[in-house]
Amino acid sequence: MTEPLPTTDLKQLSEDALSALQVLDTSDPGAVEKWRVEFLGRNGRLTTVLRGLGALPAEQRREAGAAANSLKEQLEQRLEEKRTQTLAAQAARAESLDISLPGRRMRRGRLHPSTQIIREICSAFNEMGFQTVEGPEVEWERYNFDLLNIPRDHPARDKWDTIWIEQPESRRPPDGQRILLRTHTSPMQGRVMERQQPPVRVIVPGKCYRFEATDATHEWQFHQVEGLVVDEGVTFADLKGTLYEFARRIFGANRRVRFRCDFFPFVEPGVDMSIDCFGCDGKGCRICKNSGWIEIMGAGMVHPKVLAAVGYDTARYTGFAFGMGPERIAMLRYGIEDIRHFFSNDLRFLSQF
């Protein structure tokens, strides 16, 4: 018993090919090639039908072969017609354009508000003779803690504050140093002082990480800007004068500055620095919580143990250090109430700057 003529297969193939061709975008070379391979290619559906003709009697084979070749010519012709229609439509659209009209202005991107305020802060210190340096975000505990007078039993090393990186015992150095995501930019104090002798005057911007819950004023990832000055004869008066000039450049020429005692392990004495509220000129408002003052950074004279740890002569050299959060500076300056806006990628927020 002979197999029937595969005209049914050819008819279904024709319907499928023409339906796919109807929606084919012939201006896309990839789409055209995909259609050709599926229906007319070496392993395409039409070729598969033709390969099955060998099992038919000679009379049916000639009839089926003629039908298959006719279908192939029809599909190639319809493809060319489709291409011609597409080109004609594109030409018509091009003719409808008035090339004498001015082009539409493209929307330009801009720097992230955190980047803007960091650059402004660094620029203010650069003009006062500070050099901008950067350091690694993945840090050794020696630089993040040991050289900053933060011993192993200090609460800052607790796992709830510090994000430690798992390290196989076999890969730990002989001294047992661990790796972490830096909790502040202060590790660069030790790195800079190890590389050079005084005078040192650097500003260090960068990302920091702390394992803590996020809210309107706290983020687990944030930026910090660290400053360090070391030289002969550096006094607390130099610290006050430098930071006062910074406050005037960032918040306005009429700002007043207040220093109050505070504690940081790597400075002695330590202070927090506040400016009179730029929103109410110290009278009390929502920005300053009716206190008249806004805290903007911590600072102090570099602890002698920090200088001694890098081999500096503490009888000869003194210095001061300070650190601030640029997002906090931007929040105060622009009246931003939630620090999470900086990392939300919300264009409604980002387009304001």
C-alpha atoms as a PDB file:
ATOM      1  CA  MET A   1       0.000   0.000   0.000  1.00  0.00           C
ATOM      2  CA  THR A   2       1.496   3.314  -1.094  1.00  0.00           C
ATOM      3  CA  GLU A   3       1.626   6.451   1.134  1.00  0.00           C
ATOM      4  CA  PRO A   4      -0.752   9.285   0.157  1.00  0.00           C
ATOM      5  CA  LEU A   5       0.516  12.374  -1.612  1.00  0.00           C
ATOM      6  CA  PRO A   6       1.699  14.870   1.085  1.00  0.00           C
ATOM      7  CA  THR A   7      -0.431  17.705  -0.297  1.00  0.00           C
ATOM      8  CA  THR A   8      -2.018  18.110   3.122  1.00  0.00           C
ATOM      9  CA  ASP A   9       1.421  18.751   4.615  1.00  0.00           C
ATOM     10  CA  LEU A  10       2.208  21.275   1.894  1.00  0.00           C
ATOM     11  CA  LYS A  11      -1.098  23.067   2.402  1.00  0.00           C
ATOM     12  CA  GLN A  12      -0.565  23.383   6.177  1.00  0.00           C
ATOM     13  CA  LEU A  13       3.023  24.500   5.622  1.00  0.00           C
ATOM     14  CA  SER A  14       1.845  27.173   3.171  1.00  0.00           C
ATOM     15  CA  GLU A  15      -0.710  28.514   5.619  1.00  0.00           C
ATOM     16  CA  ASP A  16       1.818  28.633   8.469  1.00  0.00           C
ATOM     17  CA  ALA A  17       4.503  30.305   6.346  1.00  0.00           C
ATOM     18  CA  LEU A  18       2.186  32.988   4.949  1.00  0.00           C
ATOM     19  CA  SER A  19       0.714  33.716   8.401  1.00  0.00           C
ATOM     20  CA  ALA A  20       4.194  34.189   9.851  1.00  0.00           C
ATOM     21  CA  LEU A  21       5.173  36.331   6.863  1.00  0.00           C
ATOM     22  CA  GLN A  22       2.158  38.570   7.414  1.00  0.00           C
ATOM     23  CA  VAL A  23       3.507  39.780  10.765  1.00  0.00           C
ATOM     24  CA  LEU A  24       7.193  39.579   9.833  1.00  0.00           C
ATOM     25  CA  ASP A  25       9.233  42.760  10.222  1.00  0.00           C
ATOM     26  CA  THR A  26      11.317  42.595   7.047  1.00  0.00           C
ATOM     27  CA  SER A  27      13.355  45.620   8.168  1.00  0.00           C
ATOM     28  CA  ASP A  28      14.895  43.345  10.791  1.00  0.00           C
ATOM     29  CA  PRO A  29      17.511  41.071   9.125  1.00  0.00           C
ATOM     30  CA  GLY A  30      17.465  38.719  12.092  1.00  0.00           C
ATOM     31  CA  ALA A  31      13.705  38.178  11.834  1.00  0.00           C
ATOM     32  CA  VAL A  32      13.882  37.547   8.065  1.00  0.00           C
ATOM     33  CA  GLU A  33      16.684  35.009   8.489  1.00  0.00           C
ATOM     34  CA  LYS A  34      14.767  33.221  11.231  1.00  0.00           C
ATOM     35  CA  TRP A  35      11.706  32.925   8.942  1.00  0.00           C
ATOM     36  CA  ARG A  36      13.837  31.660   6.037  1.00  0.00           C
ATOM     37  CA  VAL A  37      15.558  29.026   8.156  1.00  0.00           C
ATOM     38  CA  GLU A  38      12.266  27.775   9.589  1.00  0.00           C
ATOM     39  CA  PHE A  39      10.456  27.334   6.258  1.00  0.00           C
ATOM     40  CA  LEU A  40      13.053  27.309   3.451  1.00  0.00           C
ATOM     41  CA  GLY A  41      16.314  26.443   5.157  1.00  0.00           C
ATOM     42  CA  ARG A  42      18.394  23.323   4.782  1.00  0.00           C
ATOM     43  CA  ASN A  43      16.584  21.717   7.705  1.00  0.00           C
ATOM     44  CA  GLY A  44      13.410  23.750   7.270  1.00  0.00           C
ATOM     45  CA  ARG A  45       9.886  22.428   7.093  1.00  0.00           C
ATOM     46  CA  LEU A  46       9.669  22.477   3.261  1.00  0.00           C
ATOM     47  CA  THR A  47      12.959  20.615   2.935  1.00  0.00           C
ATOM     48  CA  THR A  48      11.712  18.017   5.387  1.00  0.00           C
ATOM     49  CA  VAL A  49       8.651  17.396   3.187  1.00  0.00           C
ATOM     50  CA  LEU A  50      10.817  17.091   0.094  1.00  0.00           C
ATOM     51  CA  ARG A  51      13.026  14.504   1.754  1.00  0.00           C
ATOM     52  CA  GLY A  52       9.945  12.345   2.325  1.00  0.00           C
ATOM     53  CA  LEU A  53       9.087  12.202  -1.376  1.00  0.00           C
ATOM     54  CA  GLY A  54      11.539   9.373  -2.047  1.00  0.00           C
ATOM     55  CA  ALA A  55       9.164   6.860  -0.513  1.00  0.00           C
ATOM     56  CA  LEU A  56       6.380   7.698  -3.014  1.00  0.00           C
ATOM     57  CA  PRO A  57       5.760   6.021  -6.379  1.00  0.00           C
ATOM     58  CA  ALA A  58       7.311   7.779  -9.363  1.00  0.00           C
ATOM     59  CA  GLU A  59       4.013   9.349 -10.575  1.00  0.00           C
ATOM     60  CA  GLN A  60       3.122  10.751  -7.154  1.00  0.00           C
ATOM     61  CA  ARG A  61       6.724  11.804  -6.578  1.00  0.00           C
ATOM     62  CA  ARG A  62       6.704  14.007  -9.693  1.00  0.00           C
ATOM     63  CA  GLU A  63       3.388  15.573  -8.735  1.00  0.00           C
ATOM     64  CA  ALA A  64       4.418  16.227  -5.133  1.00  0.00           C
ATOM     65  CA  GLY A  65       7.835  17.542  -6.181  1.00  0.00           C
ATOM     66  CA  ALA A  66       6.253  20.003  -8.608  1.00  0.00           C
ATOM     67  CA  ALA A  67       3.855  21.200  -5.880  1.00  0.00           C
ATOM     68  CA  ALA A  68       6.709  21.646  -3.395  1.00  0.00           C
ATOM     69  CA  ASN A  69       8.854  23.596  -5.870  1.00  0.00           C
ATOM     70  CA  SER A  70       5.873  25.768  -6.731  1.00  0.00           C
ATOM     71  CA  LEU A  71       5.328  26.503  -3.041  1.00  0.00           C
ATOM     72  CA  LYS A  72       9.005  27.402  -2.616  1.00  0.00           C
ATOM     73  CA  GLU A  73       8.816  29.896  -5.504  1.00  0.00           C
ATOM     74  CA  GLN A  74       5.578  31.321  -4.077  1.00  0.00           C
ATOM     75  CA  LEU A  75       7.071  31.863  -0.624  1.00  0.00           C
ATOM     76  CA  GLU A  76      10.216  33.507  -2.005  1.00  0.00           C
ATOM     77  CA  GLN A  77       8.053  35.794  -4.177  1.00  0.00           C
ATOM     78  CA  ARG A  78       5.795  36.743  -1.250  1.00  0.00           C
ATOM     79  CA  LEU A  79       8.857  37.498   0.890  1.00  0.00           C
ATOM     80  CA  GLU A  80      10.199  39.859  -1.770  1.00  0.00           C
ATOM     81  CA  GLU A  81       6.793  41.564  -2.037  1.00  0.00           C
ATOM     82  CA  LYS A  82       6.736  42.005   1.744  1.00  0.00           C
ATOM     83  CA  ARG A  83      10.178  43.602   1.640  1.00  0.00           C
ATOM     84  CA  THR A  84       9.082  45.990  -1.119  1.00  0.00           C
ATOM     85  CA  GLN A  85       6.021  47.036   0.904  1.00  0.00           C
ATOM     86  CA  THR A  86       8.157  47.688   3.963  1.00  0.00           C
ATOM     87  CA  LEU A  87      10.610  49.861   2.019  1.00  0.00           C
ATOM     88  CA  ALA A  88       7.739  51.823   0.472  1.00  0.00           C
ATOM     89  CA  ALA A  89       6.186  52.441   3.896  1.00  0.00           C
ATOM     90  CA  GLN A  90       9.523  53.624   5.297  1.00  0.00           C
ATOM     91  CA  ALA A  91      10.004  55.969   2.357  1.00  0.00           C
ATOM     92  CA  ALA A  92       6.516  57.386   2.857  1.00  0.00           C
ATOM     93  CA  ARG A  93       7.229  58.062   6.527  1.00  0.00           C
ATOM     94  CA  ALA A  94      10.520  59.720   5.651  1.00  0.00           C
ATOM     95  CA  GLU A  95       8.787  62.002   3.126  1.00  0.00           C
ATOM     96  CA  SER A  96       6.248  63.031   5.774  1.00  0.00           C
ATOM     97  CA  LEU A  97       9.033  64.381   8.006  1.00  0.00           C
ATOM     98  CA  ASP A  98       9.801  68.082   7.839  1.00  0.00           C
ATOM     99  CA  ILE A  99      13.581  68.082   8.076  1.00  0.00           C
ATOM    100  CA  SER A 100      13.583  71.866   8.407  1.00  0.00           C
ATOM    101  CA  LEU A 101      12.064  71.615  11.892  1.00  0.00           C
ATOM    102  CA  PRO A 102      14.567  71.965  14.768  1.00  0.00           C
ATOM    103  CA  GLY A 103      15.449  68.712  16.512  1.00  0.00           C
ATOM    104  CA  ARG A 104      13.951  67.828  19.852  1.00  0.00           C
ATOM    105  CA  ARG A 105      16.271  68.569  22.729  1.00  0.00           C
ATOM    106  CA  MET A 106      17.398  65.354  24.414  1.00  0.00           C
ATOM    107  CA  ARG A 107      17.079  65.056  28.169  1.00  0.00           C
ATOM    108  CA  ARG A 108      20.496  65.198  29.737  1.00  0.00           C
ATOM    109  CA  GLY A 109      21.536  63.110  32.675  1.00  0.00           C
ATOM    110  CA  ARG A 110      23.088  64.585  35.774  1.00  0.00           C
ATOM    111  CA  LEU A 111      25.265  63.581  38.660  1.00  0.00           C
ATOM    112  CA  HIS A 112      23.668  61.802  41.607  1.00  0.00           C
ATOM    113  CA  PRO A 113      23.001  64.184  44.527  1.00  0.00           C
ATOM    114  CA  SER A 114      25.457  62.228  46.704  1.00  0.00           C
ATOM    115  CA  THR A 115      28.148  62.636  44.054  1.00  0.00           C
ATOM    116  CA  GLN A 116      27.374  66.333  43.730  1.00  0.00           C
ATOM    117  CA  ILE A 117      27.720  67.064  47.450  1.00  0.00           C
ATOM    118  CA  ILE A 118      30.862  64.890  47.769  1.00  0.00           C
ATOM    119  CA  ARG A 119      32.515  66.795  44.940  1.00  0.00           C
ATOM    120  CA  GLU A 120      31.514  70.094  46.486  1.00  0.00           C
ATOM    121  CA  ILE A 121      32.925  69.081  49.872  1.00  0.00           C
ATOM    122  CA  CYS A 122      36.182  67.848  48.344  1.00  0.00           C
ATOM    123  CA  SER A 123      36.476  70.996  46.241  1.00  0.00           C
ATOM    124  CA  ALA A 124      36.160  73.164  49.355  1.00  0.00           C
ATOM    125  CA  PHE A 125      39.029  71.321  51.039  1.00  0.00           C
ATOM    126  CA  ASN A 126      41.114  71.110  47.848  1.00  0.00           C
ATOM    127  CA  GLU A 127      41.099  74.907  47.747  1.00  0.00           C
ATOM    128  CA  MET A 128      42.529  74.854  51.275  1.00  0.00           C
ATOM    129  CA  GLY A 129      45.439  72.633  50.204  1.00  0.00           C
ATOM    130  CA  PHE A 130      44.008  69.156  50.861  1.00  0.00           C
ATOM    131  CA  GLN A 131      44.732  66.273  48.489  1.00  0.00           C
ATOM    132  CA  THR A 132      41.867  63.901  47.635  1.00  0.00           C
ATOM    133  CA  VAL A 133      42.722  60.199  48.041  1.00  0.00           C
ATOM    134  CA  GLU A 134      40.614  57.043  47.951  1.00  0.00           C
ATOM    135  CA  GLY A 135      40.993  53.616  49.516  1.00  0.00           C
ATOM    136  CA  PRO A 136      39.572  50.063  49.407  1.00  0.00           C
ATOM    137  CA  GLU A 137      36.045  49.335  50.588  1.00  0.00           C
ATOM    138  CA  VAL A 138      37.068  45.787  51.567  1.00  0.00           C
ATOM    139  CA  GLU A 139      39.542  46.358  54.376  1.00  0.00           C
ATOM    140  CA  TRP A 140      41.791  44.601  56.907  1.00  0.00           C
ATOM    141  CA  GLU A 141      40.786  44.983  60.540  1.00  0.00           C
ATOM    142  CA  ARG A 142      44.291  46.299  61.207  1.00  0.00           C
ATOM    143  CA  TYR A 143      43.498  49.506  59.321  1.00  0.00           C
ATOM    144  CA  ASN A 144      39.823  49.678  60.229  1.00  0.00           C
ATOM    145  CA  PHE A 145      40.390  49.146  63.971  1.00  0.00           C
ATOM    146  CA  ASP A 146      43.897  48.358  65.257  1.00  0.00           C
ATOM    147  CA  LEU A 147      45.706  51.437  63.949  1.00  0.00           C
ATOM    148  CA  LEU A 148      42.812  53.652  65.095  1.00  0.00           C
ATOM    149  CA  ASN A 149      43.106  52.763  68.769  1.00  0.00           C
ATOM    150  CA  ILE A 150      40.060  50.479  68.643  1.00  0.00           C
ATOM    151  CA  PRO A 151      41.086  47.262  70.482  1.00  0.00           C
ATOM    152  CA  ARG A 152      39.548  43.824  69.898  1.00  0.00           C
ATOM    153  CA  ASP A 153      37.213  44.140  72.892  1.00  0.00           C
ATOM    154  CA  HIS A 154      35.788  47.469  71.662  1.00  0.00           C
ATOM    155  CA  PRO A 155      31.999  47.363  70.983  1.00  0.00           C
ATOM    156  CA  ALA A 156      32.556  48.779  67.466  1.00  0.00           C
ATOM    157  CA  ARG A 157      33.916  45.351  66.496  1.00  0.00           C
ATOM    158  CA  ASP A 158      30.716  43.586  67.446  1.00  0.00           C
ATOM    159  CA  LYS A 159      29.155  41.535  64.661  1.00  0.00           C
ATOM    160  CA  TRP A 160      26.001  43.623  64.918  1.00  0.00           C
ATOM    161  CA  ASP A 161      27.917  46.725  63.836  1.00  0.00           C
ATOM    162  CA  THR A 162      30.511  45.330  61.432  1.00  0.00           C
ATOM    163  CA  ILE A 163      29.959  43.315  58.246  1.00  0.00           C
ATOM    164  CA  TRP A 164      32.699  40.695  58.339  1.00  0.00           C
ATOM    165  CA  ILE A 165      33.712  38.704  55.264  1.00  0.00           C
ATOM    166  CA  GLU A 166      34.012  34.940  55.626  1.00  0.00           C
ATOM    167  CA  GLN A 167      37.603  33.825  55.260  1.00  0.00           C
ATOM    168  CA  PRO A 168      38.818  30.204  55.333  1.00  0.00           C
ATOM    169  CA  GLU A 169      41.237  29.530  58.161  1.00  0.00           C
ATOM    170  CA  SER A 170      43.788  28.290  55.641  1.00  0.00           C
ATOM    171  CA  ARG A 171      43.850  31.662  53.899  1.00  0.00           C
ATOM    172  CA  ARG A 172      44.171  33.860  56.967  1.00  0.00           C
ATOM    173  CA  PRO A 173      47.531  35.581  57.426  1.00  0.00           C
ATOM    174  CA  PRO A 174      49.801  34.441  60.279  1.00  0.00           C
ATOM    175  CA  ASP A 175      48.721  37.336  62.505  1.00  0.00           C
ATOM    176  CA  GLY A 176      45.053  36.256  62.236  1.00  0.00           C
ATOM    177  CA  GLN A 177      43.875  39.441  60.553  1.00  0.00           C
ATOM    178  CA  ARG A 178      40.262  39.370  59.356  1.00  0.00           C
ATOM    179  CA  ILE A 179      38.598  41.093  56.402  1.00  0.00           C
ATOM    180  CA  LEU A 180      35.541  43.326  56.585  1.00  0.00           C
ATOM    181  CA  LEU A 181      33.560  45.949  54.719  1.00  0.00           C
ATOM    182  CA  ARG A 182      34.985  49.167  56.128  1.00  0.00           C
ATOM    183  CA  THR A 183      32.748  50.850  58.695  1.00  0.00           C
ATOM    184  CA  HIS A 184      34.210  54.312  58.036  1.00  0.00           C
ATOM    185  CA  THR A 185      36.771  55.986  55.772  1.00  0.00           C
ATOM    186  CA  SER A 186      39.178  56.420  58.709  1.00  0.00           C
ATOM    187  CA  PRO A 187      41.276  53.345  57.713  1.00  0.00           C
ATOM    188  CA  MET A 188      42.924  55.599  55.156  1.00  0.00           C
ATOM    189  CA  GLN A 189      44.565  57.481  58.032  1.00  0.00           C
ATOM    190  CA  GLY A 190      46.897  54.542  58.653  1.00  0.00           C
ATOM    191  CA  ARG A 191      47.391  53.765  54.969  1.00  0.00           C
ATOM    192  CA  VAL A 192      48.344  57.362  54.124  1.00  0.00           C
ATOM    193  CA  MET A 193      50.675  57.818  57.096  1.00  0.00           C
ATOM    194  CA  GLU A 194      52.439  54.509  56.401  1.00  0.00           C
ATOM    195  CA  ARG A 195      53.288  55.715  52.897  1.00  0.00           C
ATOM    196  CA  GLN A 196      54.589  59.195  53.663  1.00  0.00           C
ATOM    197  CA  GLN A 197      56.155  61.346  56.319  1.00  0.00           C
ATOM    198  CA  PRO A 198      54.523  64.606  57.413  1.00  0.00           C
ATOM    199  CA  PRO A 199      53.279  67.010  56.309  1.00  0.00           C
ATOM    200  CA  VAL A 200      50.007  65.171  55.583  1.00  0.00           C
ATOM    201  CA  ARG A 201      46.866  66.922  54.445  1.00  0.00           C
ATOM    202  CA  VAL A 202      44.292  64.641  52.781  1.00  0.00           C
ATOM    203  CA  ILE A 203      40.546  64.346  52.272  1.00  0.00           C
ATOM    204  CA  VAL A 204      39.081  60.842  51.785  1.00  0.00           C
ATOM    205  CA  PRO A 205      35.600  60.329  50.276  1.00  0.00           C
ATOM    206  CA  GLY A 206      34.085  56.856  49.917  1.00  0.00           C
ATOM    207  CA  LYS A 207      31.412  54.280  50.714  1.00  0.00           C
ATOM    208  CA  CYS A 208      31.056  52.681  54.145  1.00  0.00           C
ATOM    209  CA  TYR A 209      29.001  49.774  55.446  1.00  0.00           C
ATOM    210  CA  ARG A 210      27.442  48.969  58.820  1.00  0.00           C
ATOM    211  CA  PHE A 211      25.138  46.161  59.835  1.00  0.00           C
ATOM    212  CA  GLU A 212      22.185  48.147  61.103  1.00  0.00           C
ATOM    213  CA  ALA A 213      18.496  48.628  60.434  1.00  0.00           C
ATOM    214  CA  THR A 214      17.530  51.298  57.915  1.00  0.00           C
ATOM    215  CA  ASP A 215      15.240  54.158  58.778  1.00  0.00           C
ATOM    216  CA  ALA A 216      14.820  57.811  57.851  1.00  0.00           C
ATOM    217  CA  THR A 217      18.282  58.731  59.155  1.00  0.00           C
ATOM    218  CA  HIS A 218      20.254  55.461  58.909  1.00  0.00           C
ATOM    219  CA  GLU A 219      21.372  53.275  55.991  1.00  0.00           C
ATOM    220  CA  TRP A 220      23.495  50.114  55.962  1.00  0.00           C
ATOM    221  CA  GLN A 221      25.459  51.593  53.036  1.00  0.00           C
ATOM    222  CA  PHE A 222      26.360  55.268  53.083  1.00  0.00           C
ATOM    223  CA  HIS A 223      29.115  57.711  52.168  1.00  0.00           C
ATOM    224  CA  GLN A 224      31.615  59.383  54.443  1.00  0.00           C
ATOM    225  CA  VAL A 225      34.289  62.032  53.938  1.00  0.00           C
ATOM    226  CA  GLU A 226      37.348  61.791  56.175  1.00  0.00           C
ATOM    227  CA  GLY A 227      39.975  64.485  56.663  1.00  0.00           C
ATOM    228  CA  LEU A 228      43.471  64.232  58.152  1.00  0.00           C
ATOM    229  CA  VAL A 229      46.186  66.796  58.838  1.00  0.00           C
ATOM    230  CA  VAL A 230      49.544  65.945  60.476  1.00  0.00           C
ATOM    231  CA  ASP A 231      52.547  68.244  60.766  1.00  0.00           C
ATOM    232  CA  GLU A 232      54.744  69.992  63.270  1.00  0.00           C
ATOM    233  CA  GLY A 233      52.943  72.485  65.462  1.00  0.00           C
ATOM    234  CA  VAL A 234      49.355  71.591  64.457  1.00  0.00           C
ATOM    235  CA  THR A 235      46.944  72.780  67.170  1.00  0.00           C
ATOM    236  CA  PHE A 236      43.256  72.688  67.985  1.00  0.00           C
ATOM    237  CA  ALA A 237      43.053  76.248  66.700  1.00  0.00           C
ATOM    238  CA  ASP A 238      44.045  74.951  63.246  1.00  0.00           C
ATOM    239  CA  LEU A 239      41.234  72.403  63.415  1.00  0.00           C
ATOM    240  CA  LYS A 240      38.678  75.056  64.346  1.00  0.00           C
ATOM    241  CA  GLY A 241      39.853  77.477  61.687  1.00  0.00           C
ATOM    242  CA  THR A 242      39.816  74.833  58.925  1.00  0.00           C
ATOM    243  CA  LEU A 243      36.356  73.503  59.747  1.00  0.00           C
ATOM    244  CA  TYR A 244      34.932  76.975  60.235  1.00  0.00           C
ATOM    245  CA  GLU A 245      36.114  77.939  56.755  1.00  0.00           C
ATOM    246  CA  PHE A 246      34.579  74.736  55.370  1.00  0.00           C
ATOM    247  CA  ALA A 247      31.213  75.516  56.979  1.00  0.00           C
ATOM    248  CA  ARG A 248      31.208  79.001  55.475  1.00  0.00           C
ATOM    249  CA  ARG A 249      31.947  77.653  51.988  1.00  0.00           C
ATOM    250  CA  ILE A 250      29.204  75.008  52.116  1.00  0.00           C
ATOM    251  CA  PHE A 251      26.465  76.697  54.169  1.00  0.00           C
ATOM    252  CA  GLY A 252      27.140  80.403  53.682  1.00  0.00           C
ATOM    253  CA  ALA A 253      29.521  83.154  54.754  1.00  0.00           C
ATOM    254  CA  ASN A 254      27.538  84.176  57.861  1.00  0.00           C
ATOM    255  CA  ARG A 255      27.537  80.819  59.621  1.00  0.00           C
ATOM    256  CA  ARG A 256      28.536  80.514  63.270  1.00  0.00           C
ATOM    257  CA  VAL A 257      30.252  77.380  64.570  1.00  0.00           C
ATOM    258  CA  ARG A 258      29.997  75.553  67.897  1.00  0.00           C
ATOM    259  CA  PHE A 259      32.271  72.788  69.232  1.00  0.00           C
ATOM    260  CA  ARG A 260      31.270  70.475  72.087  1.00  0.00           C
ATOM    261  CA  CYS A 261      33.213  67.664  73.727  1.00  0.00           C
ATOM    262  CA  ASP A 262      32.636  64.190  72.310  1.00  0.00           C
ATOM    263  CA  PHE A 263      34.447  60.836  72.311  1.00  0.00           C
ATOM    264  CA  PHE A 264      36.073  59.020  69.398  1.00  0.00           C
ATOM    265  CA  PRO A 265      38.782  56.399  70.087  1.00  0.00           C
ATOM    266  CA  PHE A 266      41.231  57.766  67.532  1.00  0.00           C
ATOM    267  CA  VAL A 267      41.203  61.436  68.642  1.00  0.00           C
ATOM    268  CA  GLU A 268      41.901  63.181  71.935  1.00  0.00           C
ATOM    269  CA  PRO A 269      40.298  65.536  72.662  1.00  0.00           C
ATOM    270  CA  GLY A 270      37.259  64.766  70.493  1.00  0.00           C
ATOM    271  CA  VAL A 271      34.480  67.172  69.582  1.00  0.00           C
ATOM    272  CA  ASP A 272      31.304  67.375  67.591  1.00  0.00           C
ATOM    273  CA  MET A 273      30.899  70.409  65.375  1.00  0.00           C
ATOM    274  CA  SER A 274      27.626  72.232  64.861  1.00  0.00           C
ATOM    275  CA  ILE A 275      26.636  75.284  62.855  1.00  0.00           C
ATOM    276  CA  ASP A 276      23.886  77.765  63.609  1.00  0.00           C
ATOM    277  CA  CYS A 277      20.770  76.760  61.689  1.00  0.00           C
ATOM    278  CA  PHE A 278      20.766  78.194  58.177  1.00  0.00           C
ATOM    279  CA  GLY A 279      16.973  77.867  58.095  1.00  0.00           C
ATOM    280  CA  CYS A 280      16.260  80.172  61.025  1.00  0.00           C
ATOM    281  CA  ASP A 281      19.652  81.810  61.785  1.00  0.00           C
ATOM    282  CA  GLY A 282      19.719  80.137  65.189  1.00  0.00           C
ATOM    283  CA  LYS A 283      16.223  81.162  66.308  1.00  0.00           C
ATOM    284  CA  GLY A 284      14.802  77.635  66.270  1.00  0.00           C
ATOM    285  CA  CYS A 285      12.819  75.813  63.570  1.00  0.00           C
ATOM    286  CA  ARG A 286      11.874  72.354  62.291  1.00  0.00           C
ATOM    287  CA  ILE A 287      15.265  71.805  60.623  1.00  0.00           C
ATOM    288  CA  CYS A 288      17.232  72.278  63.850  1.00  0.00           C
ATOM    289  CA  LYS A 289      14.461  70.840  66.061  1.00  0.00           C
ATOM    290  CA  ASN A 290      14.124  74.270  67.694  1.00  0.00           C
ATOM    291  CA  SER A 291      17.649  74.116  69.106  1.00  0.00           C
ATOM    292  CA  GLY A 292      19.160  76.736  66.809  1.00  0.00           C
ATOM    293  CA  TRP A 293      22.125  74.436  66.041  1.00  0.00           C
ATOM    294  CA  ILE A 294      22.776  71.597  63.573  1.00  0.00           C
ATOM    295  CA  GLU A 295      25.481  68.985  64.153  1.00  0.00           C
ATOM    296  CA  ILE A 296      27.403  68.295  60.931  1.00  0.00           C
ATOM    297  CA  MET A 297      30.508  66.268  61.869  1.00  0.00           C
ATOM    298  CA  GLY A 298      32.818  64.775  64.477  1.00  0.00           C
ATOM    299  CA  ALA A 299      36.460  65.817  64.828  1.00  0.00           C
ATOM    300  CA  GLY A 300      39.411  66.047  67.192  1.00  0.00           C
ATOM    301  CA  MET A 301      43.176  65.985  67.624  1.00  0.00           C
ATOM    302  CA  VAL A 302      44.759  62.745  66.375  1.00  0.00           C
ATOM    303  CA  HIS A 303      45.400  60.425  69.315  1.00  0.00           C
ATOM    304  CA  PRO A 304      49.143  59.945  70.056  1.00  0.00           C
ATOM    305  CA  LYS A 305      48.645  56.155  69.900  1.00  0.00           C
ATOM    306  CA  VAL A 306      47.478  56.495  66.283  1.00  0.00           C
ATOM    307  CA  LEU A 307      50.583  58.468  65.371  1.00  0.00           C
ATOM    308  CA  ALA A 308      52.872  56.081  67.227  1.00  0.00           C
ATOM    309  CA  ALA A 309      51.283  53.053  65.531  1.00  0.00           C
ATOM    310  CA  VAL A 310      52.564  54.226  62.122  1.00  0.00           C
ATOM    311  CA  GLY A 311      55.989  55.209  63.433  1.00  0.00           C
ATOM    312  CA  TYR A 312      55.510  58.972  63.746  1.00  0.00           C
ATOM    313  CA  ASP A 313      57.430  60.840  66.449  1.00  0.00           C
ATOM    314  CA  THR A 314      54.656  61.971  68.812  1.00  0.00           C
ATOM    315  CA  ALA A 315      56.972  64.486  70.454  1.00  0.00           C
ATOM    316  CA  ARG A 316      57.444  66.190  67.110  1.00  0.00           C
ATOM    317  CA  TYR A 317      54.173  65.755  65.209  1.00  0.00           C
ATOM    318  CA  THR A 318      50.549  66.496  66.007  1.00  0.00           C
ATOM    319  CA  GLY A 319      47.463  66.511  63.845  1.00  0.00           C
ATOM    320  CA  PHE A 320      43.701  66.646  63.631  1.00  0.00           C
ATOM    321  CA  ALA A 321      41.079  64.514  61.910  1.00  0.00           C
ATOM    322  CA  PHE A 322      37.396  64.887  61.092  1.00  0.00           C
ATOM    323  CA  GLY A 323      34.636  62.919  59.451  1.00  0.00           C
ATOM    324  CA  MET A 324      31.227  63.755  58.044  1.00  0.00           C
ATOM    325  CA  GLY A 325      28.358  62.119  56.175  1.00  0.00           C
ATOM    326  CA  PRO A 326      27.734  63.879  52.852  1.00  0.00           C
ATOM    327  CA  GLU A 327      24.169  62.545  52.660  1.00  0.00           C
ATOM    328  CA  ARG A 328      23.511  64.178  56.033  1.00  0.00           C
ATOM    329  CA  ILE A 329      25.013  67.427  54.763  1.00  0.00           C
ATOM    330  CA  ALA A 330      22.737  67.251  51.711  1.00  0.00           C
ATOM    331  CA  MET A 331      19.701  66.440  53.892  1.00  0.00           C
ATOM    332  CA  LEU A 332      20.344  69.490  56.026  1.00  0.00           C
ATOM    333  CA  ARG A 333      21.111  71.740  53.104  1.00  0.00           C
ATOM    334  CA  TYR A 334      18.116  70.773  50.929  1.00  0.00           C
ATOM    335  CA  GLY A 335      15.569  69.839  53.589  1.00  0.00           C
ATOM    336  CA  ILE A 336      15.506  66.111  52.702  1.00  0.00           C
ATOM    337  CA  GLU A 337      13.715  64.152  55.421  1.00  0.00           C
ATOM    338  CA  ASP A 338      14.587  60.536  54.539  1.00  0.00           C
ATOM    339  CA  ILE A 339      18.108  59.288  53.722  1.00  0.00           C
ATOM    340  CA  ARG A 340      16.623  56.304  51.880  1.00  0.00           C
ATOM    341  CA  HIS A 341      15.682  58.610  49.004  1.00  0.00           C
ATOM    342  CA  PHE A 342      19.353  58.748  47.981  1.00  0.00           C
ATOM    343  CA  PHE A 343      19.407  55.042  47.068  1.00  0.00           C
ATOM    344  CA  SER A 344      15.817  54.513  45.878  1.00  0.00           C
ATOM    345  CA  ASN A 345      16.518  55.446  42.213  1.00  0.00           C
ATOM    346  CA  ASP A 346      13.292  57.446  42.177  1.00  0.00           C
ATOM    347  CA  LEU A 347      13.538  59.904  39.271  1.00  0.00           C
ATOM    348  CA  ARG A 348      11.064  62.229  40.980  1.00  0.00           C
ATOM    349  CA  PHE A 349      13.666  62.730  43.717  1.00  0.00           C
ATOM    350  CA  LEU A 350      16.800  62.622  41.578  1.00  0.00           C
ATOM    351  CA  SER A 351      15.468  65.173  39.051  1.00  0.00           C
ATOM    352  CA  GLN A 352      15.332  67.846  41.764  1.00  0.00           C
ATOM    353  CA  PHE A 353      19.122  68.201  41.863  1.00  0.00           C
END
